[in-house]
Protein backbone atom coordinates (compact mmCIF):
# COMPACT_ATOMS: atom_id res chain seq x y z
CA UNK A 1 63.20 -41.90 -21.98
CA UNK A 2 62.00 -41.79 -18.36
CA UNK A 3 63.11 -38.19 -17.97
CA UNK A 4 61.30 -37.26 -21.18
CA UNK A 5 58.09 -38.91 -19.85
CA UNK A 6 58.44 -37.07 -16.54
CA UNK A 7 58.96 -33.79 -18.36
CA UNK A 8 55.82 -34.34 -20.47
CA UNK A 9 53.87 -35.25 -17.34
CA UNK A 10 55.06 -32.16 -15.46
CA UNK A 11 54.28 -29.86 -18.41
CA UNK A 12 50.87 -31.54 -18.80
CA UNK A 13 50.02 -31.15 -15.09
CA UNK A 14 51.12 -27.52 -14.88
CA UNK A 15 49.23 -26.50 -18.03
CA UNK A 16 46.07 -28.61 -17.60
CA UNK A 17 45.29 -27.78 -13.95
CA UNK A 18 45.22 -23.99 -14.46
CA UNK A 19 43.03 -24.47 -17.55
CA UNK A 20 40.57 -26.56 -15.52
CA UNK A 21 40.48 -23.92 -12.80
CA UNK A 22 39.54 -21.18 -15.29
CA UNK A 23 36.88 -23.27 -16.99
CA UNK A 24 34.71 -23.66 -13.85
CA UNK A 25 31.32 -21.91 -13.81
CA UNK A 26 30.82 -19.00 -11.44
CA UNK A 27 27.50 -17.51 -10.30
CA UNK A 28 27.10 -13.86 -9.38
CA UNK A 29 23.89 -12.69 -7.67
CA UNK A 30 22.96 -9.01 -7.55
CA UNK A 31 20.13 -7.98 -5.23
CA UNK A 32 18.34 -4.68 -5.64
CA UNK A 33 15.76 -3.10 -3.38
CA UNK A 34 12.86 -0.95 -4.48
CA UNK A 35 11.97 1.21 -2.78
CA UNK A 36 15.29 1.79 -1.14
CA UNK A 37 15.47 0.49 2.45
CA UNK A 38 18.25 2.94 3.24
CA UNK A 39 16.76 6.19 2.00
CA UNK A 40 13.70 7.86 0.65
CA UNK A 41 12.51 9.05 -2.69
CA UNK A 42 11.44 12.60 -3.32
CA UNK A 43 8.86 11.49 -5.88
CA UNK A 44 7.19 8.23 -6.88
CA UNK A 45 4.88 8.31 -9.88
CA UNK A 46 2.65 5.54 -11.11
CA UNK A 47 -0.26 5.32 -13.53
CA UNK A 48 -1.91 2.56 -11.50
CA UNK A 49 -0.84 0.78 -8.32
CA UNK A 50 -1.88 -2.13 -6.08
CA UNK A 51 -0.87 -2.40 -2.44
CA UNK A 52 -1.35 -5.58 -0.39
CA UNK A 53 -0.71 -9.30 -0.64
CA UNK A 54 -4.24 -10.05 -1.88
CA UNK A 55 -3.50 -8.25 -5.14
CA UNK A 56 -0.04 -9.69 -5.78
CA UNK A 57 -1.27 -12.46 -8.10
CA UNK A 58 -3.80 -10.45 -10.11
CA UNK A 59 -2.85 -8.05 -12.84
CA UNK A 60 -4.39 -4.68 -13.49
CA UNK A 61 -5.85 -3.79 -16.88
CA UNK A 62 -6.42 -0.57 -18.79
CA UNK A 63 -9.79 -0.36 -17.02
CA UNK A 64 -7.80 0.21 -13.81
CA UNK A 65 -5.92 3.24 -15.16
CA UNK A 66 -5.67 6.03 -12.62
CA UNK A 67 -6.63 3.73 -9.74
CA UNK A 68 -4.94 3.06 -6.43
CA UNK A 69 -6.16 -0.24 -4.98
CA UNK A 70 -5.24 -0.76 -1.32
CA UNK A 71 -5.80 -3.80 0.87
CA UNK A 72 -6.62 -2.85 4.45
CA UNK A 73 -7.15 0.50 6.16
CA UNK A 74 -5.70 3.73 4.80
CA UNK A 75 -4.50 6.43 7.15
CA UNK A 76 -3.98 10.04 6.07
CA UNK A 77 -2.20 12.18 8.64
CA UNK A 78 -1.95 9.21 11.02
CA UNK A 79 0.44 6.28 11.31
CA UNK A 80 -2.16 4.09 13.01
CA UNK A 81 -5.56 4.13 11.28
CA UNK A 82 -8.46 3.20 13.54
CA UNK A 83 -9.49 -0.43 13.20
CA UNK A 84 -12.81 -1.13 11.54
CA UNK A 85 -12.52 1.77 9.08
CA UNK A 86 -11.30 1.72 5.49
CA UNK A 87 -10.21 5.39 5.70
CA UNK A 88 -9.03 7.29 8.76
CA UNK A 89 -8.16 10.95 8.24
CA UNK A 90 -6.55 13.09 10.92
CA UNK A 91 -7.22 16.72 10.01
CA UNK A 92 -9.43 18.65 7.64
CA UNK A 93 -10.99 17.10 4.54
CA UNK A 94 -12.06 18.87 1.37
CA UNK A 95 -14.20 17.15 -1.22
CA UNK A 96 -16.02 18.45 -4.27
CA UNK A 97 -18.50 15.56 -4.33
CA UNK A 98 -18.95 12.29 -2.49
CA UNK A 99 -21.62 9.72 -1.70
CA UNK A 100 -22.16 8.52 1.85
CA UNK A 101 -24.60 6.51 3.89
CA UNK A 102 -25.17 7.33 7.54
CA UNK A 103 -22.53 9.57 9.09
CA UNK A 104 -21.50 8.67 12.62
CA UNK A 105 -19.69 10.82 15.15
CA UNK A 106 -17.62 8.78 17.61
CA UNK A 107 -15.82 9.36 20.87
CA UNK A 108 -12.10 9.46 20.02
CA UNK A 109 -11.04 7.30 22.95
CA UNK A 110 -13.82 4.71 23.18
CA UNK A 111 -14.95 4.75 19.51
CA UNK A 112 -18.54 4.69 20.84
CA UNK A 113 -21.09 6.25 18.46
CA UNK A 114 -22.34 9.51 19.99
CA UNK A 115 -24.41 10.88 17.09
CA UNK A 116 -25.72 9.52 13.80
CA UNK A 117 -26.69 11.67 10.84
CA UNK A 118 -29.00 10.17 8.21
CA UNK A 119 -31.51 11.15 5.57
CA UNK A 120 -34.71 9.94 3.97
CA UNK A 121 -37.19 11.38 1.49
CA UNK A 122 -38.52 13.80 4.14
CA UNK A 123 -35.27 15.38 5.23
CA UNK A 124 -32.01 15.24 7.09
CA UNK A 125 -31.85 13.99 10.69
CA UNK A 126 -29.44 13.89 13.61
CA UNK A 127 -29.88 11.18 16.26
CA UNK A 128 -28.36 11.33 19.75
CA UNK A 129 -27.26 7.76 20.36
CA UNK A 130 -27.23 8.21 24.16
CA UNK A 131 -30.80 9.53 24.53
CA UNK A 132 -32.30 8.08 21.34
CA UNK A 133 -33.78 11.50 20.46
CA UNK A 134 -33.90 12.37 16.77
CA UNK A 135 -33.66 15.96 15.51
CA UNK A 136 -34.79 16.99 12.05
CA UNK A 137 -32.94 19.72 10.22
CA UNK A 138 -35.29 22.37 8.91
CA UNK A 139 -33.78 24.11 5.94
CA UNK A 140 -34.85 27.56 4.95
CA UNK A 141 -33.72 29.31 1.81
CA UNK A 142 -31.97 32.59 2.51
CA UNK A 143 -30.86 35.46 0.33
CA UNK A 144 -27.14 35.89 -0.02
């Protein structure tokens, strides 16, 4: 009888322990990166996009279609946009229409304003910031 009890115990131990081992829960975590930290994409298309931590908790709506909203300065043709400016472009710019206030011309190294262009109801002016002299543009219509 003792040998029969030992046999049942041995069979029970060798069948129950493997079953318990297979019944344990296992967790598998898969991490993906977008955009890829180990390569580059040839093309990235988006209907609307937000860049910056300020915009991470707000959602965009259909009213934002076609918009790119960027927190901080944007540099085009430069990897280090000048501080104090929303847009810093290195190179030529083409625009079909735009609205501006005063236009300032700065020294590249010191960022000191050298000239300021502005307008009022009487015309267009250019001010030399060093001398304080203001020059008015006189426009004359010419035949092409």
